[in-house]
N, C-alpha and C. Protein backbone atom coordinates (compact mmCIF):
# COMPACT_ATOMS: atom_id res chain seq x y z
N MET A 1 72.71 -10.31 18.28
CA MET A 1 71.37 -10.02 17.85
C MET A 1 71.20 -10.47 16.40
N LYS A 2 70.07 -11.04 16.13
CA LYS A 2 69.82 -11.58 14.79
C LYS A 2 69.21 -10.49 13.90
N LYS A 3 69.55 -10.57 12.66
CA LYS A 3 69.00 -9.61 11.70
C LYS A 3 67.51 -9.81 11.49
N GLY A 4 67.02 -10.99 11.56
CA GLY A 4 65.61 -11.29 11.33
C GLY A 4 64.69 -10.66 12.36
N MET A 5 65.20 -10.47 13.57
CA MET A 5 64.35 -9.88 14.63
C MET A 5 64.00 -8.43 14.31
N ASN A 6 64.95 -7.66 13.82
CA ASN A 6 64.68 -6.26 13.49
C ASN A 6 63.68 -6.16 12.35
N ARG A 7 63.80 -7.02 11.39
CA ARG A 7 62.86 -7.01 10.28
C ARG A 7 61.46 -7.36 10.77
N LYS A 8 61.41 -8.33 11.66
CA LYS A 8 60.11 -8.74 12.16
C LYS A 8 59.43 -7.59 12.92
N GLY A 9 60.16 -6.87 13.71
CA GLY A 9 59.61 -5.73 14.44
C GLY A 9 59.18 -4.62 13.50
N LEU A 10 59.96 -4.36 12.50
CA LEU A 10 59.62 -3.35 11.51
C LEU A 10 58.39 -3.76 10.72
N SER A 11 58.27 -5.05 10.41
CA SER A 11 57.12 -5.56 9.68
C SER A 11 55.83 -5.37 10.48
N ASP A 12 55.84 -5.55 11.79
CA ASP A 12 54.65 -5.34 12.63
C ASP A 12 54.22 -3.88 12.61
N VAL A 13 55.16 -2.97 12.63
CA VAL A 13 54.84 -1.54 12.59
C VAL A 13 54.22 -1.17 11.25
N VAL A 14 54.83 -1.65 10.18
CA VAL A 14 54.29 -1.36 8.84
C VAL A 14 52.89 -1.96 8.70
N THR A 15 52.70 -3.16 9.17
CA THR A 15 51.38 -3.81 9.10
C THR A 15 50.34 -3.01 9.87
N THR A 16 50.70 -2.55 11.06
CA THR A 16 49.77 -1.76 11.88
C THR A 16 49.41 -0.45 11.17
N VAL A 17 50.39 0.22 10.61
CA VAL A 17 50.14 1.48 9.90
C VAL A 17 49.24 1.24 8.68
N LEU A 18 49.49 0.17 7.95
CA LEU A 18 48.65 -0.14 6.79
C LEU A 18 47.21 -0.44 7.19
N ILE A 19 47.03 -1.18 8.28
CA ILE A 19 45.67 -1.48 8.75
C ILE A 19 44.96 -0.19 9.13
N ILE A 20 45.66 0.70 9.81
CA ILE A 20 45.05 1.99 10.20
C ILE A 20 44.70 2.80 8.96
N LEU A 21 45.58 2.84 7.97
CA LEU A 21 45.28 3.57 6.73
C LEU A 21 44.08 2.98 5.99
N PHE A 22 44.02 1.65 5.91
CA PHE A 22 42.86 1.02 5.26
C PHE A 22 41.56 1.35 6.01
N ALA A 23 41.62 1.37 7.31
CA ALA A 23 40.43 1.70 8.12
C ALA A 23 39.99 3.14 7.85
N ILE A 24 40.95 4.05 7.77
CA ILE A 24 40.62 5.45 7.50
C ILE A 24 40.01 5.61 6.11
N VAL A 25 40.58 4.94 5.13
CA VAL A 25 40.04 5.01 3.76
C VAL A 25 38.64 4.41 3.72
N ALA A 26 38.41 3.29 4.40
CA ALA A 26 37.09 2.66 4.42
C ALA A 26 36.06 3.58 5.06
N VAL A 27 36.42 4.23 6.16
CA VAL A 27 35.51 5.15 6.83
C VAL A 27 35.20 6.33 5.91
N ALA A 28 36.20 6.84 5.20
CA ALA A 28 35.98 7.96 4.29
C ALA A 28 35.05 7.58 3.14
N VAL A 29 35.24 6.40 2.58
CA VAL A 29 34.39 5.94 1.47
C VAL A 29 32.95 5.76 1.94
N VAL A 30 32.78 5.05 3.04
CA VAL A 30 31.42 4.82 3.57
C VAL A 30 30.79 6.15 3.96
N GLY A 31 31.54 7.04 4.58
CA GLY A 31 31.02 8.35 4.96
C GLY A 31 30.58 9.16 3.75
N GLY A 32 31.36 9.10 2.67
CA GLY A 32 30.98 9.81 1.45
C GLY A 32 29.69 9.29 0.86
N ILE A 33 29.54 7.98 0.85
CA ILE A 33 28.31 7.38 0.31
C ILE A 33 27.11 7.77 1.17
N VAL A 34 27.27 7.69 2.48
CA VAL A 34 26.17 8.02 3.39
C VAL A 34 25.80 9.50 3.26
N MET A 35 26.77 10.38 3.22
CA MET A 35 26.47 11.82 3.09
C MET A 35 25.77 12.13 1.76
N ASN A 36 26.17 11.45 0.69
CA ASN A 36 25.52 11.64 -0.60
C ASN A 36 24.04 11.25 -0.51
N GLN A 37 23.75 10.13 0.11
CA GLN A 37 22.36 9.67 0.26
C GLN A 37 21.56 10.63 1.14
N ILE A 38 22.18 11.14 2.19
CA ILE A 38 21.49 12.10 3.07
C ILE A 38 21.16 13.38 2.30
N ASN A 39 22.08 13.86 1.47
CA ASN A 39 21.81 15.06 0.67
C ASN A 39 20.68 14.84 -0.32
N LYS A 40 20.64 13.66 -0.97
CA LYS A 40 19.54 13.35 -1.90
C LYS A 40 18.21 13.30 -1.16
N ALA A 41 18.20 12.68 0.01
CA ALA A 41 16.96 12.59 0.80
C ALA A 41 16.50 13.98 1.22
N GLY A 42 17.44 14.85 1.56
CA GLY A 42 17.09 16.21 1.95
C GLY A 42 16.42 16.97 0.83
N LYS A 43 16.90 16.80 -0.40
CA LYS A 43 16.29 17.47 -1.55
C LYS A 43 14.87 16.96 -1.77
N ASN A 44 14.66 15.64 -1.62
CA ASN A 44 13.32 15.08 -1.78
C ASN A 44 12.37 15.58 -0.69
N ILE A 45 12.88 15.74 0.51
CA ILE A 45 12.06 16.28 1.60
C ILE A 45 11.68 17.71 1.29
N ASP A 46 12.62 18.50 0.73
CA ASP A 46 12.31 19.88 0.35
C ASP A 46 11.19 19.91 -0.68
N LYS A 47 11.23 19.01 -1.66
CA LYS A 47 10.18 18.97 -2.69
C LYS A 47 8.84 18.55 -2.10
N ALA A 48 8.84 17.57 -1.20
CA ALA A 48 7.59 17.13 -0.58
C ALA A 48 6.99 18.24 0.27
N THR A 49 7.82 18.93 1.02
CA THR A 49 7.35 20.06 1.82
C THR A 49 6.80 21.15 0.92
N PHE A 50 7.48 21.41 -0.18
CA PHE A 50 7.06 22.42 -1.14
C PHE A 50 5.65 22.09 -1.65
N CYS A 51 5.41 20.81 -1.98
CA CYS A 51 4.10 20.40 -2.51
C CYS A 51 3.01 20.54 -1.46
N THR A 52 3.31 20.30 -0.20
CA THR A 52 2.28 20.45 0.83
C THR A 52 1.99 21.92 1.12
N GLU A 53 2.91 22.79 0.74
CA GLU A 53 2.69 24.23 0.96
C GLU A 53 2.04 24.91 -0.24
N ASN A 54 1.96 24.25 -1.38
CA ASN A 54 1.39 24.81 -2.60
C ASN A 54 0.36 23.83 -3.14
N ILE A 55 -0.88 24.02 -2.74
CA ILE A 55 -1.91 23.02 -3.01
C ILE A 55 -2.91 23.50 -4.06
N VAL A 56 -3.05 22.71 -5.12
CA VAL A 56 -4.09 22.89 -6.12
C VAL A 56 -4.89 21.59 -6.12
N GLU A 57 -6.18 21.68 -5.78
CA GLU A 57 -7.01 20.48 -5.63
C GLU A 57 -8.23 20.54 -6.55
N PRO A 58 -8.63 19.39 -7.11
CA PRO A 58 -9.89 19.36 -7.85
C PRO A 58 -11.05 19.44 -6.86
N VAL A 59 -12.06 20.23 -7.19
CA VAL A 59 -13.22 20.35 -6.31
C VAL A 59 -14.48 19.79 -6.94
N THR A 60 -14.52 19.73 -8.28
CA THR A 60 -15.66 19.11 -8.97
C THR A 60 -15.16 18.32 -10.16
N CYS A 61 -15.86 17.24 -10.46
CA CYS A 61 -15.59 16.44 -11.66
C CYS A 61 -16.93 15.87 -12.09
N VAL A 62 -17.47 16.43 -13.19
CA VAL A 62 -18.81 16.04 -13.64
C VAL A 62 -18.73 15.59 -15.10
N PHE A 63 -19.24 14.39 -15.35
CA PHE A 63 -19.36 13.88 -16.71
C PHE A 63 -20.78 14.16 -17.18
N ALA A 64 -20.92 14.77 -18.36
CA ALA A 64 -22.25 15.12 -18.87
C ALA A 64 -22.30 14.96 -20.38
N ALA A 65 -23.50 14.69 -20.88
CA ALA A 65 -23.70 14.56 -22.33
C ALA A 65 -23.60 15.91 -23.02
N ASP A 66 -23.87 16.99 -22.29
CA ASP A 66 -23.80 18.33 -22.86
C ASP A 66 -22.94 19.22 -21.96
N VAL A 67 -21.68 18.86 -21.86
CA VAL A 67 -20.78 19.51 -20.92
C VAL A 67 -20.54 20.98 -21.24
N ASP A 68 -20.63 21.37 -22.52
CA ASP A 68 -20.36 22.76 -22.90
C ASP A 68 -21.26 23.14 -24.07
N ALA A 69 -22.30 23.91 -23.79
CA ALA A 69 -23.24 24.30 -24.83
C ALA A 69 -22.57 25.11 -25.93
N ALA A 70 -21.59 25.91 -25.59
CA ALA A 70 -20.90 26.75 -26.57
C ALA A 70 -20.14 25.91 -27.59
N ALA A 71 -19.79 24.68 -27.20
CA ALA A 71 -19.03 23.81 -28.10
C ALA A 71 -19.95 22.82 -28.81
N GLY A 72 -21.23 23.06 -28.83
CA GLY A 72 -22.16 22.19 -29.54
C GLY A 72 -22.65 21.01 -28.73
N ASN A 73 -22.72 21.19 -27.43
CA ASN A 73 -23.25 20.16 -26.53
C ASN A 73 -22.58 18.80 -26.69
N GLN A 74 -21.29 18.81 -26.79
CA GLN A 74 -20.55 17.55 -26.85
C GLN A 74 -20.48 16.92 -25.47
N PRO A 75 -20.43 15.60 -25.43
CA PRO A 75 -20.22 14.97 -24.13
C PRO A 75 -18.77 15.19 -23.67
N GLY A 76 -18.58 15.17 -22.40
CA GLY A 76 -17.23 15.36 -21.87
C GLY A 76 -17.25 15.50 -20.36
N VAL A 77 -16.18 16.03 -19.84
CA VAL A 77 -16.04 16.16 -18.40
C VAL A 77 -15.68 17.59 -18.05
N ARG A 78 -16.30 18.08 -16.97
CA ARG A 78 -16.04 19.43 -16.46
C ARG A 78 -15.34 19.28 -15.11
N ILE A 79 -14.16 19.86 -15.00
CA ILE A 79 -13.36 19.75 -13.78
C ILE A 79 -13.14 21.15 -13.21
N GLY A 80 -13.54 21.32 -11.98
CA GLY A 80 -13.28 22.58 -11.29
C GLY A 80 -12.15 22.36 -10.30
N TYR A 81 -11.20 23.28 -10.26
CA TYR A 81 -10.12 23.15 -9.30
C TYR A 81 -9.79 24.50 -8.70
N THR A 82 -9.20 24.47 -7.51
CA THR A 82 -8.89 25.69 -6.79
C THR A 82 -7.51 25.58 -6.15
N ARG A 83 -6.88 26.71 -5.99
CA ARG A 83 -5.60 26.76 -5.29
C ARG A 83 -5.88 27.23 -3.87
N THR A 84 -5.74 26.31 -2.94
CA THR A 84 -6.10 26.61 -1.56
C THR A 84 -4.95 27.17 -0.74
N ASN A 85 -3.73 26.98 -1.21
CA ASN A 85 -2.59 27.41 -0.41
C ASN A 85 -1.39 27.66 -1.31
N GLY A 86 -0.50 28.51 -0.86
CA GLY A 86 0.79 28.70 -1.52
C GLY A 86 0.81 29.84 -2.50
N ASP A 87 2.01 30.35 -2.74
CA ASP A 87 2.19 31.43 -3.70
C ASP A 87 3.43 31.22 -4.57
N ALA A 88 3.85 29.97 -4.70
CA ALA A 88 5.01 29.66 -5.54
C ALA A 88 4.69 29.93 -7.00
N THR A 89 5.70 30.19 -7.79
CA THR A 89 5.54 30.49 -9.20
C THR A 89 5.27 29.21 -9.99
N MET A 90 4.16 29.20 -10.72
CA MET A 90 3.84 28.07 -11.58
C MET A 90 4.55 28.23 -12.91
N LEU A 91 4.72 27.13 -13.62
CA LEU A 91 5.28 27.21 -14.96
C LEU A 91 4.36 28.05 -15.83
N THR A 92 4.93 28.76 -16.77
CA THR A 92 4.11 29.62 -17.61
C THR A 92 3.40 28.85 -18.72
N LEU A 93 3.92 27.69 -19.11
CA LEU A 93 3.31 26.90 -20.17
C LEU A 93 2.71 25.64 -19.55
N ASN A 94 1.40 25.51 -19.63
CA ASN A 94 0.68 24.34 -19.12
C ASN A 94 1.01 24.02 -17.65
N PRO A 95 0.64 24.93 -16.75
CA PRO A 95 0.99 24.71 -15.35
C PRO A 95 0.22 23.58 -14.68
N VAL A 96 -0.98 23.24 -15.19
CA VAL A 96 -1.80 22.21 -14.56
C VAL A 96 -2.23 21.18 -15.61
N ARG A 97 -2.04 19.89 -15.29
CA ARG A 97 -2.51 18.79 -16.15
C ARG A 97 -3.55 18.01 -15.38
N ALA A 98 -4.63 17.64 -16.07
CA ALA A 98 -5.66 16.79 -15.48
C ALA A 98 -5.42 15.36 -15.93
N ASN A 99 -5.29 14.45 -14.97
CA ASN A 99 -5.16 13.03 -15.26
C ASN A 99 -6.50 12.39 -14.93
N ILE A 100 -7.27 12.06 -15.96
CA ILE A 100 -8.63 11.55 -15.80
C ILE A 100 -8.60 10.03 -15.92
N GLU A 101 -8.99 9.36 -14.84
CA GLU A 101 -9.06 7.89 -14.87
C GLU A 101 -10.43 7.50 -15.38
N ILE A 102 -10.47 6.63 -16.40
CA ILE A 102 -11.74 6.18 -16.94
C ILE A 102 -11.96 4.73 -16.52
N GLN A 103 -13.20 4.25 -16.71
CA GLN A 103 -13.51 2.87 -16.34
C GLN A 103 -12.54 1.94 -17.05
N GLY A 104 -12.03 0.97 -16.32
CA GLY A 104 -11.04 0.05 -16.87
C GLY A 104 -9.63 0.43 -16.45
N GLY A 105 -9.46 1.59 -15.83
CA GLY A 105 -8.18 1.97 -15.27
C GLY A 105 -7.27 2.80 -16.16
N ALA A 106 -7.64 3.04 -17.41
CA ALA A 106 -6.80 3.85 -18.29
C ALA A 106 -6.82 5.32 -17.84
N ILE A 107 -5.74 6.04 -18.12
CA ILE A 107 -5.63 7.44 -17.76
C ILE A 107 -5.59 8.28 -19.03
N VAL A 108 -6.44 9.32 -19.07
CA VAL A 108 -6.45 10.29 -20.16
C VAL A 108 -5.91 11.59 -19.57
N SER A 109 -4.80 12.11 -20.11
CA SER A 109 -4.20 13.35 -19.60
C SER A 109 -4.44 14.48 -20.58
N ASP A 110 -4.65 15.65 -20.02
CA ASP A 110 -4.83 16.83 -20.86
C ASP A 110 -4.43 18.06 -20.05
N ASN A 111 -3.98 19.10 -20.76
CA ASN A 111 -3.69 20.36 -20.08
C ASN A 111 -4.99 20.91 -19.53
N ALA A 112 -4.96 21.31 -18.27
CA ALA A 112 -6.18 21.81 -17.62
C ALA A 112 -6.11 23.31 -17.42
N GLY A 113 -5.49 23.97 -18.32
CA GLY A 113 -5.41 25.42 -18.22
C GLY A 113 -4.03 25.90 -18.63
N SER A 114 -4.00 27.06 -19.25
CA SER A 114 -2.72 27.60 -19.70
C SER A 114 -2.31 28.81 -18.88
N THR A 115 -3.05 29.08 -17.82
CA THR A 115 -2.71 30.23 -16.98
C THR A 115 -2.42 29.76 -15.56
N SER A 116 -1.58 30.51 -14.90
CA SER A 116 -1.26 30.25 -13.51
C SER A 116 -2.46 30.62 -12.65
N ILE A 117 -2.63 29.91 -11.56
CA ILE A 117 -3.75 30.19 -10.66
C ILE A 117 -3.18 30.68 -9.33
N THR A 118 -3.77 31.76 -8.82
CA THR A 118 -3.29 32.31 -7.56
C THR A 118 -4.10 31.78 -6.39
N LYS A 119 -3.54 31.90 -5.21
CA LYS A 119 -4.16 31.40 -3.98
C LYS A 119 -5.57 31.97 -3.80
N GLY A 120 -6.51 31.07 -3.53
CA GLY A 120 -7.89 31.47 -3.28
C GLY A 120 -8.75 31.51 -4.53
N ASN A 121 -8.19 31.34 -5.70
CA ASN A 121 -8.95 31.40 -6.94
C ASN A 121 -9.28 30.00 -7.46
N SER A 122 -10.31 29.94 -8.29
CA SER A 122 -10.74 28.67 -8.88
C SER A 122 -10.81 28.79 -10.39
N ILE A 123 -10.66 27.66 -11.07
CA ILE A 123 -10.75 27.60 -12.53
C ILE A 123 -11.58 26.37 -12.88
N THR A 124 -12.37 26.47 -13.94
CA THR A 124 -13.11 25.32 -14.46
C THR A 124 -12.52 24.94 -15.81
N PHE A 125 -12.20 23.67 -15.95
CA PHE A 125 -11.63 23.13 -17.17
C PHE A 125 -12.65 22.18 -17.78
N VAL A 126 -12.86 22.29 -19.08
CA VAL A 126 -13.81 21.43 -19.77
C VAL A 126 -13.07 20.63 -20.83
N LYS A 127 -13.13 19.33 -20.73
CA LYS A 127 -12.58 18.44 -21.78
C LYS A 127 -13.76 18.09 -22.67
N GLN A 128 -13.81 18.69 -23.87
CA GLN A 128 -14.98 18.63 -24.73
C GLN A 128 -15.06 17.39 -25.59
N THR A 129 -13.98 16.72 -25.79
CA THR A 129 -14.04 15.54 -26.63
C THR A 129 -14.72 14.41 -25.88
N PRO A 130 -15.44 13.58 -26.58
CA PRO A 130 -16.14 12.48 -25.91
C PRO A 130 -15.16 11.57 -25.17
N ILE A 131 -15.51 11.26 -23.97
CA ILE A 131 -14.71 10.33 -23.19
C ILE A 131 -15.55 9.08 -23.01
N SER A 132 -15.05 7.99 -23.50
CA SER A 132 -15.75 6.73 -23.36
C SER A 132 -14.73 5.67 -23.03
N PRO A 133 -14.93 4.91 -22.02
CA PRO A 133 -16.04 4.89 -21.08
C PRO A 133 -16.02 6.09 -20.12
N VAL A 134 -16.94 6.06 -19.20
CA VAL A 134 -17.20 7.18 -18.29
C VAL A 134 -16.00 7.43 -17.37
N PRO A 135 -15.68 8.70 -17.10
CA PRO A 135 -14.61 9.02 -16.15
C PRO A 135 -14.96 8.55 -14.74
N VAL A 136 -13.95 8.05 -14.02
CA VAL A 136 -14.14 7.57 -12.66
C VAL A 136 -13.62 8.58 -11.66
N SER A 137 -12.41 9.11 -11.92
CA SER A 137 -11.81 10.06 -10.99
C SER A 137 -10.85 10.96 -11.75
N VAL A 138 -10.41 12.01 -11.06
CA VAL A 138 -9.45 12.94 -11.63
C VAL A 138 -8.44 13.31 -10.56
N GLU A 139 -7.19 13.50 -10.99
CA GLU A 139 -6.18 14.10 -10.12
C GLU A 139 -5.43 15.13 -10.95
N LEU A 140 -4.89 16.12 -10.29
CA LEU A 140 -4.19 17.19 -11.00
C LEU A 140 -2.70 17.10 -10.74
N ALA A 141 -1.92 17.37 -11.77
CA ALA A 141 -0.47 17.47 -11.65
C ALA A 141 -0.11 18.93 -11.92
N THR A 142 0.38 19.61 -10.90
CA THR A 142 0.69 21.03 -11.00
C THR A 142 2.20 21.22 -11.08
N ASN A 143 2.65 22.02 -12.03
CA ASN A 143 4.08 22.23 -12.25
C ASN A 143 4.52 23.59 -11.73
N TYR A 144 5.56 23.58 -10.90
CA TYR A 144 6.08 24.80 -10.28
C TYR A 144 7.58 24.93 -10.53
N TYR A 145 8.07 26.14 -10.29
CA TYR A 145 9.50 26.36 -10.17
C TYR A 145 9.81 26.27 -8.68
N LEU A 146 10.81 25.49 -8.31
CA LEU A 146 11.13 25.28 -6.90
C LEU A 146 11.64 26.55 -6.25
N LYS A 147 12.55 27.24 -6.93
CA LYS A 147 13.13 28.46 -6.34
C LYS A 147 13.18 29.55 -7.40
N GLY A 148 12.13 30.37 -7.48
CA GLY A 148 12.10 31.44 -8.46
C GLY A 148 11.79 30.96 -9.85
N SER A 149 11.75 31.87 -10.79
CA SER A 149 11.33 31.54 -12.15
C SER A 149 12.40 30.84 -12.97
N ALA A 150 13.60 30.69 -12.44
CA ALA A 150 14.65 30.00 -13.18
C ALA A 150 15.11 28.74 -12.45
N GLY A 151 14.40 28.38 -11.40
CA GLY A 151 14.82 27.25 -10.57
C GLY A 151 14.41 25.90 -11.13
N GLU A 152 14.71 24.89 -10.36
CA GLU A 152 14.36 23.52 -10.70
C GLU A 152 12.84 23.36 -10.74
N GLN A 153 12.36 22.54 -11.66
CA GLN A 153 10.92 22.33 -11.78
C GLN A 153 10.47 21.18 -10.88
N VAL A 154 9.30 21.35 -10.27
CA VAL A 154 8.72 20.34 -9.39
C VAL A 154 7.29 20.10 -9.83
N THR A 155 6.86 18.83 -9.88
CA THR A 155 5.48 18.50 -10.18
C THR A 155 4.83 17.95 -8.92
N CYS A 156 3.74 18.59 -8.51
CA CYS A 156 2.99 18.17 -7.33
C CYS A 156 1.67 17.54 -7.79
N THR A 157 1.31 16.42 -7.20
CA THR A 157 0.09 15.71 -7.59
C THR A 157 -0.95 15.84 -6.49
N SER A 158 -2.18 16.13 -6.88
CA SER A 158 -3.27 16.30 -5.92
C SER A 158 -3.84 14.96 -5.51
N LYS A 159 -4.78 15.02 -4.54
CA LYS A 159 -5.56 13.84 -4.20
C LYS A 159 -6.53 13.57 -5.33
N LYS A 160 -6.94 12.31 -5.46
CA LYS A 160 -7.95 11.97 -6.48
C LYS A 160 -9.32 12.41 -6.01
N LEU A 161 -10.12 12.83 -6.98
CA LEU A 161 -11.52 13.19 -6.72
C LEU A 161 -12.40 12.34 -7.62
N ASP A 162 -13.40 11.71 -7.03
CA ASP A 162 -14.33 10.88 -7.81
C ASP A 162 -15.22 11.76 -8.69
N CYS A 163 -15.50 11.28 -9.89
CA CYS A 163 -16.36 12.00 -10.83
C CYS A 163 -17.81 11.53 -10.69
N THR A 164 -18.72 12.44 -10.99
CA THR A 164 -20.15 12.09 -11.00
C THR A 164 -20.67 12.26 -12.42
N SER A 165 -21.81 11.64 -12.67
CA SER A 165 -22.46 11.78 -13.99
C SER A 165 -23.68 12.66 -13.87
N GLN A 166 -23.99 13.39 -14.95
CA GLN A 166 -25.14 14.26 -14.95
C GLN A 166 -26.11 13.82 -16.01
């Protein structure tokens, strides 16, 4: 019997074991990457579901030359919004921001209230500074705590509402 034959047989076994080990490592690496992506997608789905369950929508957007008589009849925009659904905890500081789109596509953002709004209630926000050119639409960005008052923060954006002039 030749010595080379035993080595050759041993080499085939080692090669087979190495191929199997590489395959196992490759499956583990790919599996880890896929599971990581699935977990990230799951968190995003949780946030999207959260936003559909906690709805704050603009109901009025009016541009007027005398939007607020108490402020000296300055021109501006009056935005009414309501919370139609949900009871999640809003951030305590600036829970709602109004993103006002003006002619030409620029966005003017401002805090639209410093208090949390509960389900079924409405608030009117007045932006008293002159807005030029005229506002076209408004959308609201509402900030919540995802899980309790110490949880991760989530920002939910409403549908756009077209503004009218008075």
